[in-house]
Structure formats: structure tokens, C-alpha cells
């Protein structure tokens, strides 16, 4: 299974935490970070509407997977941090 992590340049540490968490349990996981700036280089464009960068990147997963197999999109935002603290 391919695992994609939505990356937001405003909170890059969240991407690192997400990837580290996955690798803790599956060291050989096939992980790809989706960075919207890299997608712009590939010709993907979106309108600036105030949404976070990974709001749109999640919809790119089927294309990036070649429309084959299973894929998982992950994002670890600030709101999730409270889930794991007392």
C-alpha cells in the first residue's frame, strides 16, 4: 500500500511527526510527502481561497497512485495534537 502525507509548509513539523509515527510501526513503509509547491512544478494549479495546502493535495492521491492499488492519505494537523495529551 502506498501512503501519502499531506505537507503544509506553514507547519512542517506535523509532516515529520506523521512520518515518524508510521515508520515506528512499519519501518519499510512506502511513504510519499505531497508538497503543493512540487505539484505546481508538475502543472497542478489551484485558486488561493484560504484553505490549507493539504486540503487539495488529498485529491491528488489517485493520480499519484496511477489509479491502481490501495493508497492511504494522512495528515497530522494541530488539532490532532490534543488527542494524545492529557
N, C-alpha and C. Protein backbone atom coordinates (compact mmCIF):
# COMPACT_ATOMS: atom_id res chain seq x y z
N UNK A 1 0.85 -1.17 0.00
CA UNK A 1 0.00 0.00 0.00
C UNK A 1 0.89 1.24 0.00
N UNK A 2 0.50 2.21 -0.77
CA UNK A 2 1.20 3.48 -0.81
C UNK A 2 0.59 4.41 0.22
N UNK A 3 1.44 5.12 0.95
CA UNK A 3 0.98 6.06 1.96
C UNK A 3 1.45 7.45 1.55
N UNK A 4 0.51 8.37 1.51
CA UNK A 4 0.80 9.75 1.15
C UNK A 4 0.53 10.64 2.35
N UNK A 5 1.44 11.57 2.61
CA UNK A 5 1.27 12.52 3.71
C UNK A 5 1.13 13.91 3.12
N UNK A 6 0.06 14.58 3.47
CA UNK A 6 -0.13 15.96 3.04
C UNK A 6 0.82 16.87 3.81
N UNK A 7 1.60 17.65 3.09
CA UNK A 7 2.60 18.53 3.71
C UNK A 7 2.17 19.98 3.58
N UNK A 8 2.26 20.71 4.67
CA UNK A 8 1.95 22.13 4.68
C UNK A 8 3.20 22.87 5.13
N UNK A 9 3.73 23.74 4.29
CA UNK A 9 4.96 24.45 4.60
C UNK A 9 4.84 25.32 5.84
N UNK A 10 3.63 25.67 6.24
CA UNK A 10 3.44 26.51 7.43
C UNK A 10 3.63 25.72 8.72
N UNK A 11 3.43 24.41 8.67
CA UNK A 11 3.61 23.56 9.85
C UNK A 11 4.35 22.28 9.45
N UNK A 12 5.61 22.39 9.02
CA UNK A 12 6.35 21.23 8.53
C UNK A 12 6.60 20.16 9.59
N UNK A 13 6.65 20.56 10.85
CA UNK A 13 6.89 19.59 11.91
C UNK A 13 5.78 18.54 11.98
N UNK A 14 4.56 18.90 11.57
CA UNK A 14 3.46 17.94 11.59
C UNK A 14 3.71 16.79 10.61
N UNK A 15 4.29 17.12 9.46
CA UNK A 15 4.61 16.08 8.48
C UNK A 15 5.66 15.14 9.07
N UNK A 16 6.65 15.69 9.73
CA UNK A 16 7.69 14.87 10.34
C UNK A 16 7.13 13.94 11.40
N UNK A 17 6.23 14.46 12.24
CA UNK A 17 5.61 13.65 13.29
C UNK A 17 4.79 12.51 12.68
N UNK A 18 4.03 12.82 11.65
CA UNK A 18 3.21 11.80 11.00
C UNK A 18 4.09 10.70 10.41
N UNK A 19 5.13 11.07 9.69
CA UNK A 19 6.00 10.07 9.08
C UNK A 19 6.72 9.25 10.14
N UNK A 20 7.19 9.89 11.18
CA UNK A 20 7.88 9.17 12.26
C UNK A 20 6.94 8.16 12.93
N UNK A 21 5.70 8.55 13.13
CA UNK A 21 4.72 7.65 13.74
C UNK A 21 4.47 6.42 12.88
N UNK A 22 4.35 6.62 11.59
CA UNK A 22 4.13 5.49 10.68
C UNK A 22 5.34 4.57 10.68
N UNK A 23 6.52 5.15 10.57
CA UNK A 23 7.75 4.35 10.50
C UNK A 23 8.04 3.61 11.80
N UNK A 24 7.51 4.09 12.90
CA UNK A 24 7.69 3.40 14.18
C UNK A 24 7.10 1.99 14.10
N UNK A 25 5.97 1.85 13.43
CA UNK A 25 5.28 0.57 13.34
C UNK A 25 5.53 -0.16 12.03
N UNK A 26 5.93 0.57 11.00
CA UNK A 26 6.18 -0.02 9.69
C UNK A 26 7.41 0.66 9.07
N UNK A 27 8.62 0.26 9.51
CA UNK A 27 9.84 0.93 9.05
C UNK A 27 10.02 0.96 7.53
N UNK A 28 9.54 -0.03 6.83
CA UNK A 28 9.72 -0.09 5.38
C UNK A 28 8.55 0.48 4.59
N UNK A 29 7.70 1.26 5.25
CA UNK A 29 6.51 1.80 4.58
C UNK A 29 6.88 2.65 3.36
N UNK A 30 6.05 2.56 2.32
CA UNK A 30 6.22 3.33 1.09
C UNK A 30 5.50 4.67 1.29
N UNK A 31 6.25 5.68 1.77
CA UNK A 31 5.66 6.97 2.13
C UNK A 31 6.11 8.04 1.14
N UNK A 32 5.14 8.82 0.68
CA UNK A 32 5.42 9.96 -0.19
C UNK A 32 4.80 11.19 0.44
N UNK A 33 5.60 12.23 0.56
CA UNK A 33 5.08 13.52 1.04
C UNK A 33 4.53 14.27 -0.17
N UNK A 34 3.33 14.79 -0.04
CA UNK A 34 2.75 15.59 -1.11
C UNK A 34 2.90 17.05 -0.72
N UNK A 35 3.80 17.73 -1.41
CA UNK A 35 4.06 19.14 -1.18
C UNK A 35 3.46 19.91 -2.35
N UNK A 36 2.55 20.82 -2.06
CA UNK A 36 1.83 21.53 -3.11
C UNK A 36 2.78 22.29 -4.03
N UNK A 37 3.90 22.78 -3.50
CA UNK A 37 4.84 23.52 -4.36
C UNK A 37 5.45 22.60 -5.41
N UNK A 38 5.67 21.34 -5.06
CA UNK A 38 6.18 20.37 -6.05
C UNK A 38 5.11 20.05 -7.08
N UNK A 39 3.86 20.06 -6.66
CA UNK A 39 2.77 19.77 -7.59
C UNK A 39 2.62 20.92 -8.59
N UNK A 40 2.89 22.16 -8.16
CA UNK A 40 2.84 23.29 -9.08
C UNK A 40 3.85 23.09 -10.20
N UNK A 41 5.02 22.54 -9.85
CA UNK A 41 6.06 22.28 -10.85
C UNK A 41 5.59 21.24 -11.87
N UNK A 42 4.69 20.38 -11.47
CA UNK A 42 4.13 19.35 -12.37
C UNK A 42 2.94 19.87 -13.17
N UNK A 43 2.55 21.13 -12.93
CA UNK A 43 1.47 21.72 -13.69
C UNK A 43 0.14 21.78 -12.97
N UNK A 44 0.09 21.32 -11.70
CA UNK A 44 -1.15 21.39 -10.93
C UNK A 44 -1.31 22.79 -10.38
N UNK A 45 -2.48 23.37 -10.56
CA UNK A 45 -2.76 24.71 -10.04
C UNK A 45 -4.06 24.70 -9.26
N UNK A 46 -4.13 25.59 -8.29
CA UNK A 46 -5.37 25.76 -7.54
C UNK A 46 -5.53 27.23 -7.24
N UNK A 47 -6.76 27.63 -6.99
CA UNK A 47 -7.02 29.02 -6.62
C UNK A 47 -6.71 29.21 -5.14
N UNK A 48 -6.19 30.35 -4.82
CA UNK A 48 -5.95 30.69 -3.42
C UNK A 48 -7.28 31.08 -2.79
N UNK A 49 -7.76 30.26 -1.89
CA UNK A 49 -9.04 30.55 -1.25
C UNK A 49 -8.95 30.51 0.28
N UNK A 50 -7.73 30.47 0.79
CA UNK A 50 -7.55 30.44 2.23
C UNK A 50 -7.49 29.05 2.83
N UNK A 51 -7.69 28.03 2.02
CA UNK A 51 -7.62 26.66 2.52
C UNK A 51 -6.16 26.26 2.74
N UNK A 52 -5.96 25.27 3.59
CA UNK A 52 -4.60 24.78 3.82
C UNK A 52 -4.11 24.06 2.57
N UNK A 53 -2.81 23.93 2.48
CA UNK A 53 -2.22 23.29 1.29
C UNK A 53 -2.69 21.85 1.13
N UNK A 54 -2.80 21.11 2.23
CA UNK A 54 -3.18 19.71 2.10
C UNK A 54 -4.67 19.49 1.88
N UNK A 55 -5.46 20.57 1.94
CA UNK A 55 -6.88 20.45 1.61
C UNK A 55 -7.03 19.91 0.18
N UNK A 56 -6.17 20.37 -0.70
CA UNK A 56 -6.25 19.98 -2.11
C UNK A 56 -5.38 18.78 -2.44
N UNK A 57 -4.26 18.64 -1.76
CA UNK A 57 -3.34 17.56 -2.11
C UNK A 57 -3.96 16.18 -1.92
N UNK A 58 -4.89 16.04 -1.00
CA UNK A 58 -5.51 14.73 -0.79
C UNK A 58 -6.22 14.22 -2.03
N UNK A 59 -6.71 15.14 -2.86
CA UNK A 59 -7.41 14.72 -4.07
C UNK A 59 -6.45 14.29 -5.18
N UNK A 60 -5.17 14.48 -4.97
CA UNK A 60 -4.17 14.08 -5.96
C UNK A 60 -3.72 12.63 -5.78
N UNK A 61 -4.08 12.01 -4.67
CA UNK A 61 -3.62 10.66 -4.37
C UNK A 61 -3.96 9.65 -5.47
N UNK A 62 -5.18 9.59 -5.97
CA UNK A 62 -5.46 8.62 -7.05
C UNK A 62 -4.56 8.81 -8.27
N UNK A 63 -4.35 10.06 -8.68
CA UNK A 63 -3.49 10.31 -9.82
C UNK A 63 -2.05 9.89 -9.52
N UNK A 64 -1.55 10.24 -8.34
CA UNK A 64 -0.18 9.90 -7.97
C UNK A 64 0.02 8.40 -7.81
N UNK A 65 -1.07 7.68 -7.58
CA UNK A 65 -1.01 6.22 -7.47
C UNK A 65 -1.24 5.53 -8.81
N UNK A 66 -1.37 6.30 -9.85
CA UNK A 66 -1.62 5.71 -11.17
C UNK A 66 -2.97 5.05 -11.26
N UNK A 67 -3.90 5.45 -10.39
CA UNK A 67 -5.26 4.90 -10.36
C UNK A 67 -5.26 3.38 -10.17
N UNK A 68 -4.26 2.88 -9.44
CA UNK A 68 -4.15 1.44 -9.21
C UNK A 68 -3.81 1.16 -7.75
N UNK A 69 -4.28 0.04 -7.26
CA UNK A 69 -3.93 -0.42 -5.92
C UNK A 69 -4.57 0.39 -4.82
N UNK A 70 -4.08 0.12 -3.61
CA UNK A 70 -4.59 0.81 -2.42
C UNK A 70 -3.64 1.91 -2.01
N UNK A 71 -4.21 3.02 -1.60
CA UNK A 71 -3.42 4.14 -1.12
C UNK A 71 -4.11 4.73 0.10
N UNK A 72 -3.30 5.35 0.94
CA UNK A 72 -3.81 5.97 2.15
C UNK A 72 -3.27 7.40 2.22
N UNK A 73 -4.14 8.36 2.53
CA UNK A 73 -3.71 9.75 2.69
C UNK A 73 -3.74 10.08 4.18
N UNK A 74 -2.65 10.64 4.68
CA UNK A 74 -2.56 11.02 6.09
C UNK A 74 -2.23 12.48 6.22
N UNK A 75 -2.74 13.07 7.24
CA UNK A 75 -2.36 14.43 7.60
C UNK A 75 -2.40 14.51 9.11
N UNK A 76 -1.44 15.19 9.67
CA UNK A 76 -1.38 15.33 11.12
C UNK A 76 -1.33 16.81 11.41
N UNK A 77 -2.49 17.39 11.69
CA UNK A 77 -2.58 18.83 11.92
C UNK A 77 -2.55 19.18 13.39
N UNK A 78 -2.56 20.46 13.66
CA UNK A 78 -2.51 20.94 15.04
C UNK A 78 -3.67 20.43 15.88
N UNK A 79 -4.83 20.23 15.25
CA UNK A 79 -5.99 19.78 16.01
C UNK A 79 -5.80 18.37 16.55
N UNK A 80 -4.99 17.55 15.89
CA UNK A 80 -4.79 16.17 16.35
C UNK A 80 -3.85 16.09 17.55
N UNK A 81 -3.03 17.08 17.75
CA UNK A 81 -2.08 17.04 18.85
C UNK A 81 -2.76 16.84 20.20
N UNK A 82 -3.92 17.44 20.38
CA UNK A 82 -4.64 17.31 21.63
C UNK A 82 -5.19 15.93 21.90
N UNK A 83 -5.28 15.11 20.87
CA UNK A 83 -5.82 13.76 21.04
C UNK A 83 -4.89 12.88 21.87
N UNK A 84 -3.59 13.19 21.88
CA UNK A 84 -2.62 12.32 22.51
C UNK A 84 -2.01 12.90 23.77
N UNK A 85 -2.63 13.94 24.30
CA UNK A 85 -2.13 14.53 25.54
C UNK A 85 -3.22 14.50 26.60
N UNK A 86 -2.81 14.54 27.84
CA UNK A 86 -3.80 14.54 28.94
C UNK A 86 -4.27 15.94 29.23
